[in-house]
C-alpha atoms as a PDB file:
ATOM      1  CA  MET A   1      -0.038   0.039   0.104  1.00  0.00           C
ATOM      2  CA  LEU A   2       1.193   3.484  -0.792  1.00  0.00           C
ATOM      3  CA  TYR A   3      -0.801   5.304   2.022  1.00  0.00           C
ATOM      4  CA  SER A   4      -2.946   4.657   4.867  1.00  0.00           C
ATOM      5  CA  THR A   5      -6.353   5.979   5.228  1.00  0.00           C
ATOM      6  CA  THR A   6      -6.391   9.668   6.525  1.00  0.00           C
ATOM      7  CA  ILE A   7      -9.274  11.461   8.231  1.00  0.00           C
ATOM      8  CA  LEU A   8      -9.195  15.260   7.117  1.00  0.00           C
ATOM      9  CA  GLY A   9     -12.073  16.529   9.146  1.00  0.00           C
ATOM     10  CA  GLU A  10     -15.924  16.789   9.180  1.00  0.00           C
ATOM     11  CA  GLY A  11     -15.893  13.028   8.264  1.00  0.00           C
ATOM     12  CA  GLU A  12     -13.890  13.499   5.067  1.00  0.00           C
ATOM     13  CA  ILE A  13     -11.879  10.408   4.546  1.00  0.00           C
ATOM     14  CA  VAL A  14      -9.080   9.956   2.034  1.00  0.00           C
ATOM     15  CA  THR A  15      -8.658   6.378   1.110  1.00  0.00           C
ATOM     16  CA  ASP A  16      -5.630   4.581  -0.457  1.00  0.00           C
ATOM     17  CA  ARG A  17      -7.487   4.610  -3.846  1.00  0.00           C
ATOM     18  CA  ASP A  18      -7.985   8.365  -3.468  1.00  0.00           C
ATOM     19  CA  GLU A  19      -4.512   9.217  -2.703  1.00  0.00           C
ATOM     20  CA  ALA A  20      -3.143   6.696  -5.432  1.00  0.00           C
ATOM     21  CA  ILE A  21      -5.415   8.465  -8.084  1.00  0.00           C
ATOM     22  CA  GLU A  22      -4.055  11.771  -7.069  1.00  0.00           C
ATOM     23  CA  ILE A  23      -0.475  10.502  -7.317  1.00  0.00           C
ATOM     24  CA  ILE A  24      -1.254   9.117 -10.807  1.00  0.00           C
ATOM     25  CA  GLN A  25      -2.713  12.324 -12.015  1.00  0.00           C
ATOM     26  CA  ARG A  26       0.336  14.363 -10.651  1.00  0.00           C
ATOM     27  CA  GLU A  27       2.872  11.992 -12.150  1.00  0.00           C
ATOM     28  CA  MET A  28       1.110  11.672 -15.521  1.00  0.00           C
ATOM     29  CA  THR A  29       1.232  15.438 -15.655  1.00  0.00           C
ATOM     30  CA  ALA A  30       4.989  15.477 -14.843  1.00  0.00           C
ATOM     31  CA  PHE A  31       5.364  12.791 -17.489  1.00  0.00           C
ATOM     32  CA  ALA A  32       3.658  14.834 -20.127  1.00  0.00           C
ATOM     33  CA  ARG A  33       5.659  18.057 -19.278  1.00  0.00           C
ATOM     34  CA  ARG A  34       8.959  16.042 -19.560  1.00  0.00           C
ATOM     35  CA  ALA A  35       7.901  14.480 -22.828  1.00  0.00           C
ATOM     36  CA  ARG A  36       7.124  17.834 -24.364  1.00  0.00           C
ATOM     37  CA  ALA A  37      10.617  19.109 -23.081  1.00  0.00           C
ATOM     38  CA  THR A  38      12.405  16.045 -24.246  1.00  0.00           C
ATOM     39  CA  ALA A  39      10.916  16.170 -27.804  1.00  0.00           C
ATOM     40  CA  ALA A  40      12.231  19.729 -28.309  1.00  0.00           C
ATOM     41  CA  ARG A  41      15.733  18.514 -27.374  1.00  0.00           C
ATOM     42  CA  MET A  42      15.625  15.437 -29.660  1.00  0.00           C
ATOM     43  CA  HIS A  43      14.867  17.317 -32.776  1.00  0.00           C
ATOM     44  CA  PRO A  44      14.512  21.103 -33.245  1.00  0.00           C
ATOM     45  CA  GLU A  45      11.810  20.780 -35.821  1.00  0.00           C
ATOM     46  CA  LEU A  46       9.678  18.165 -34.192  1.00  0.00           C
ATOM     47  CA  SER A  47       7.313  19.022 -31.205  1.00  0.00           C
ATOM     48  CA  LEU A  48       5.692  16.265 -29.214  1.00  0.00           C
ATOM     49  CA  VAL A  49       2.496  16.904 -31.034  1.00  0.00           C
ATOM     50  CA  SER A  50       4.257  16.768 -34.467  1.00  0.00           C
ATOM     51  CA  PHE A  51       6.036  13.475 -33.586  1.00  0.00           C
ATOM     52  CA  THR A  52       2.727  11.956 -32.502  1.00  0.00           C
ATOM     53  CA  LEU A  53       0.985  12.963 -35.774  1.00  0.00           C
ATOM     54  CA  LEU A  54       3.960  11.600 -37.773  1.00  0.00           C
ATOM     55  CA  SER A  55       3.954   8.438 -35.834  1.00  0.00           C
ATOM     56  CA  HIS A  56       0.151   8.002 -36.475  1.00  0.00           C
ATOM     57  CA  LEU A  57       0.669   8.548 -40.191  1.00  0.00           C
ATOM     58  CA  GLU A  58       3.436   6.068 -40.320  1.00  0.00           C
ATOM     59  CA  HIS A  59       1.532   3.521 -38.469  1.00  0.00           C
ATOM     60  CA  GLN A  60      -1.646   4.047 -40.489  1.00  0.00           C
ATOM     61  CA  GLY A  61       0.220   4.176 -43.915  1.00  0.00           C
ATOM     62  CA  GLY A  62      -1.322   7.580 -44.346  1.00  0.00           C
ATOM     63  CA  CYS A  63      -4.679   9.040 -43.586  1.00  0.00           C
ATOM     64  CA  ARG A  64      -6.990  11.937 -43.866  1.00  0.00           C
ATOM     65  CA  ALA A  65      -6.594  15.058 -41.707  1.00  0.00           C
ATOM     66  CA  THR A  66     -10.242  14.443 -40.468  1.00  0.00           C
ATOM     67  CA  ASP A  67      -9.188  10.969 -39.318  1.00  0.00           C
ATOM     68  CA  LEU A  68      -6.353  12.557 -37.263  1.00  0.00           C
ATOM     69  CA  ALA A  69      -8.653  15.068 -35.728  1.00  0.00           C
ATOM     70  CA  ALA A  70     -11.113  12.306 -34.885  1.00  0.00           C
ATOM     71  CA  HIS A  71      -8.403   9.906 -33.351  1.00  0.00           C
ATOM     72  CA  TYR A  72      -6.888  12.640 -31.179  1.00  0.00           C
ATOM     73  CA  THR A  73     -10.267  14.290 -30.390  1.00  0.00           C
ATOM     74  CA  LEU A  74      -9.072  17.637 -31.587  1.00  0.00           C
ATOM     75  CA  ASP A  75     -10.663  20.350 -33.559  1.00  0.00           C
ATOM     76  CA  LYS A  76     -10.174  20.261 -37.301  1.00  0.00           C
ATOM     77  CA  SER A  77      -8.598  23.746 -37.344  1.00  0.00           C
ATOM     78  CA  THR A  78      -6.007  22.517 -34.792  1.00  0.00           C
ATOM     79  CA  ILE A  79      -5.153  19.681 -37.034  1.00  0.00           C
ATOM     80  CA  SER A  80      -5.015  21.886 -40.065  1.00  0.00           C
ATOM     81  CA  ARG A  81      -2.479  24.148 -38.423  1.00  0.00           C
ATOM     82  CA  GLN A  82      -0.250  21.169 -37.348  1.00  0.00           C
ATOM     83  CA  VAL A  83      -0.463  19.476 -40.687  1.00  0.00           C
ATOM     84  CA  GLY A  84       0.353  22.833 -42.427  1.00  0.00           C
ATOM     85  CA  ALA A  85       3.481  23.239 -40.356  1.00  0.00           C
ATOM     86  CA  LEU A  86       4.612  19.677 -41.148  1.00  0.00           C
ATOM     87  CA  GLU A  87       3.948  20.240 -44.823  1.00  0.00           C
ATOM     88  CA  LYS A  88       5.939  23.383 -44.789  1.00  0.00           C
ATOM     89  CA  ALA A  89       8.729  21.624 -43.041  1.00  0.00           C
ATOM     90  CA  GLY A  90       8.561  18.908 -45.876  1.00  0.00           C
ATOM     91  CA  LEU A  91       7.721  16.114 -43.488  1.00  0.00           C
ATOM     92  CA  VAL A  92       4.268  15.507 -44.846  1.00  0.00           C
ATOM     93  CA  GLU A  93       2.389  15.635 -48.184  1.00  0.00           C
ATOM     94  CA  ARG A  94      -0.962  15.356 -49.590  1.00  0.00           C
ATOM     95  CA  ARG A  95      -1.941  12.727 -52.088  1.00  0.00           C
ATOM     96  CA  LEU A  96      -5.333  12.165 -53.807  1.00  0.00           C
ATOM     97  CA  ASP A  97      -7.066   9.017 -52.549  1.00  0.00           C
ATOM     98  CA  PRO A  98      -6.955   6.508 -55.298  1.00  0.00           C
ATOM     99  CA  ALA A  99     -10.475   5.304 -54.196  1.00  0.00           C
ATOM    100  CA  ASP A 100     -12.041   8.909 -54.042  1.00  0.00           C
ATOM    101  CA  HIS A 101     -10.337  11.673 -55.936  1.00  0.00           C
ATOM    102  CA  ARG A 102     -12.093  14.355 -53.894  1.00  0.00           C
ATOM    103  CA  VAL A 103     -10.263  13.216 -50.750  1.00  0.00           C
ATOM    104  CA  HIS A 104      -6.663  13.978 -49.906  1.00  0.00           C
ATOM    105  CA  VAL A 105      -4.697  11.489 -47.845  1.00  0.00           C
ATOM    106  CA  LEU A 106      -1.605  12.666 -45.637  1.00  0.00           C
ATOM    107  CA  HIS A 107       1.558  10.620 -46.067  1.00  0.00           C
ATOM    108  CA  LEU A 108       5.059  11.049 -44.838  1.00  0.00           C
ATOM    109  CA  THR A 109       7.634  12.278 -47.145  1.00  0.00           C
ATOM    110  CA  ASP A 110      11.096  10.816 -47.454  1.00  0.00           C
ATOM    111  CA  ARG A 111      12.309  13.431 -45.048  1.00  0.00           C
ATOM    112  CA  GLY A 112       9.477  12.831 -42.710  1.00  0.00           C
ATOM    113  CA  ASN A 113      10.321   9.295 -42.603  1.00  0.00           C
ATOM    114  CA  GLU A 114      14.027  10.051 -41.816  1.00  0.00           C
ATOM    115  CA  VAL A 115      13.255  12.590 -39.112  1.00  0.00           C
ATOM    116  CA  LEU A 116      10.764  10.282 -37.492  1.00  0.00           C
ATOM    117  CA  ALA A 117      13.331   7.417 -37.531  1.00  0.00           C
ATOM    118  CA  GLN A 118      15.913   9.661 -35.929  1.00  0.00           C
ATOM    119  CA  VAL A 119      13.559  10.809 -33.148  1.00  0.00           C
ATOM    120  CA  GLY A 120      12.097   7.348 -32.790  1.00  0.00           C
ATOM    121  CA  GLU A 121      15.602   5.911 -32.115  1.00  0.00           C
ATOM    122  CA  ALA A 122      16.500   8.670 -29.662  1.00  0.00           C
ATOM    123  CA  ARG A 123      13.368   7.983 -27.643  1.00  0.00           C
ATOM    124  CA  ARG A 124      13.988   4.258 -27.602  1.00  0.00           C
ATOM    125  CA  VAL A 125      17.382   4.769 -26.302  1.00  0.00           C
ATOM    126  CA  ALA A 126      16.006   7.166 -23.715  1.00  0.00           C
ATOM    127  CA  PHE A 127      13.290   4.773 -22.529  1.00  0.00           C
ATOM    128  CA  GLN A 128      15.678   1.837 -22.420  1.00  0.00           C
ATOM    129  CA  GLY A 129      17.901   3.947 -20.144  1.00  0.00           C
ATOM    130  CA  ARG A 130      15.133   4.974 -17.732  1.00  0.00           C
ATOM    131  CA  LEU A 131      13.799   1.383 -17.601  1.00  0.00           C
ATOM    132  CA  ALA A 132      17.240  -0.366 -17.432  1.00  0.00           C
ATOM    133  CA  GLY A 133      16.837  -1.401 -13.838  1.00  0.00           C
ATOM    134  CA  TRP A 134      13.259  -2.682 -14.231  1.00  0.00           C
ATOM    135  CA  SER A 135      12.556  -6.372 -14.108  1.00  0.00           C
ATOM    136  CA  GLU A 136      10.736  -8.046 -17.091  1.00  0.00           C
ATOM    137  CA  ALA A 137       7.746  -8.566 -14.951  1.00  0.00           C
ATOM    138  CA  ASP A 138       7.704  -4.908 -14.013  1.00  0.00           C
ATOM    139  CA  LEU A 139       8.032  -3.797 -17.575  1.00  0.00           C
ATOM    140  CA  GLU A 140       5.122  -6.213 -18.650  1.00  0.00           C
ATOM    141  CA  ARG A 141       2.853  -5.047 -15.831  1.00  0.00           C
ATOM    142  CA  PHE A 142       3.565  -1.280 -16.681  1.00  0.00           C
ATOM    143  CA  ALA A 143       2.943  -1.966 -20.318  1.00  0.00           C
ATOM    144  CA  GLY A 144      -0.235  -3.714 -19.553  1.00  0.00           C
ATOM    145  CA  TYR A 145      -1.415  -0.867 -17.260  1.00  0.00           C
ATOM    146  CA  LEU A 146      -0.748   1.687 -19.871  1.00  0.00           C
ATOM    147  CA  LEU A 147      -2.581  -0.318 -22.639  1.00  0.00           C
ATOM    148  CA  ARG A 148      -5.530  -0.739 -20.279  1.00  0.00           C
ATOM    149  CA  TYR A 149      -5.626   2.969 -19.229  1.00  0.00           C
ATOM    150  CA  ASN A 150      -5.480   4.105 -22.953  1.00  0.00           C
ATOM    151  CA  GLU A 151      -8.061   1.817 -24.050  1.00  0.00           C
ATOM    152  CA  ALA A 152     -10.444   3.027 -21.257  1.00  0.00           C
ATOM    153  CA  ALA A 153      -9.690   6.682 -22.205  1.00  0.00           C
ATOM    154  CA  ALA A 154     -10.404   5.922 -25.891  1.00  0.00           C
ATOM    155  CA  GLY A 155     -13.701   4.325 -24.966  1.00  0.00           C
ATOM    156  CA  ASP A 156     -14.764   7.356 -23.183  1.00  0.00           C
ATOM    157  CA  GLY A 157     -13.649   9.848 -25.741  1.00  0.00           C
ATOM    158  CA  GLU A 158     -11.106  11.356 -23.360  1.00  0.00           C
ATOM    159  CA  SER A 159      -7.623  12.437 -24.226  1.00  0.00           C
ATOM    160  CA  VAL A 160      -6.357  12.567 -20.608  1.00  0.00           C
END
């Protein structure tokens, strides 16, 4: 157990679960802040958001901007600005959808693939370093917990 039950006053009780959720929220916020700062150091042109979008495009083999907006529950104008910046940087290009010539599909350019590979490798090295002392069982549990959390978040449409 992380914490014992604490009585705060007027009958308000903080349980181990409440405290654990507070710790999780605080630590996930710290993780997100560190991830943004680390992304900026890994490649000057690639923010965490840009890396995320490029990774999604790579994983999907390309997709429409509206698909990105829906996947990340972001406003279409936000995605449009992000994609515009990626296009301007030469990392993404629009191609006509062969099945429907009215639709454009976003794809990584060769340069986009190169930059994504560089940043991806740097991230893998960083994660391997941070997790070097963890047992295989701890890694498997942590991975399982993250998958479970993200599946639940995706199920209720939340991004946090």
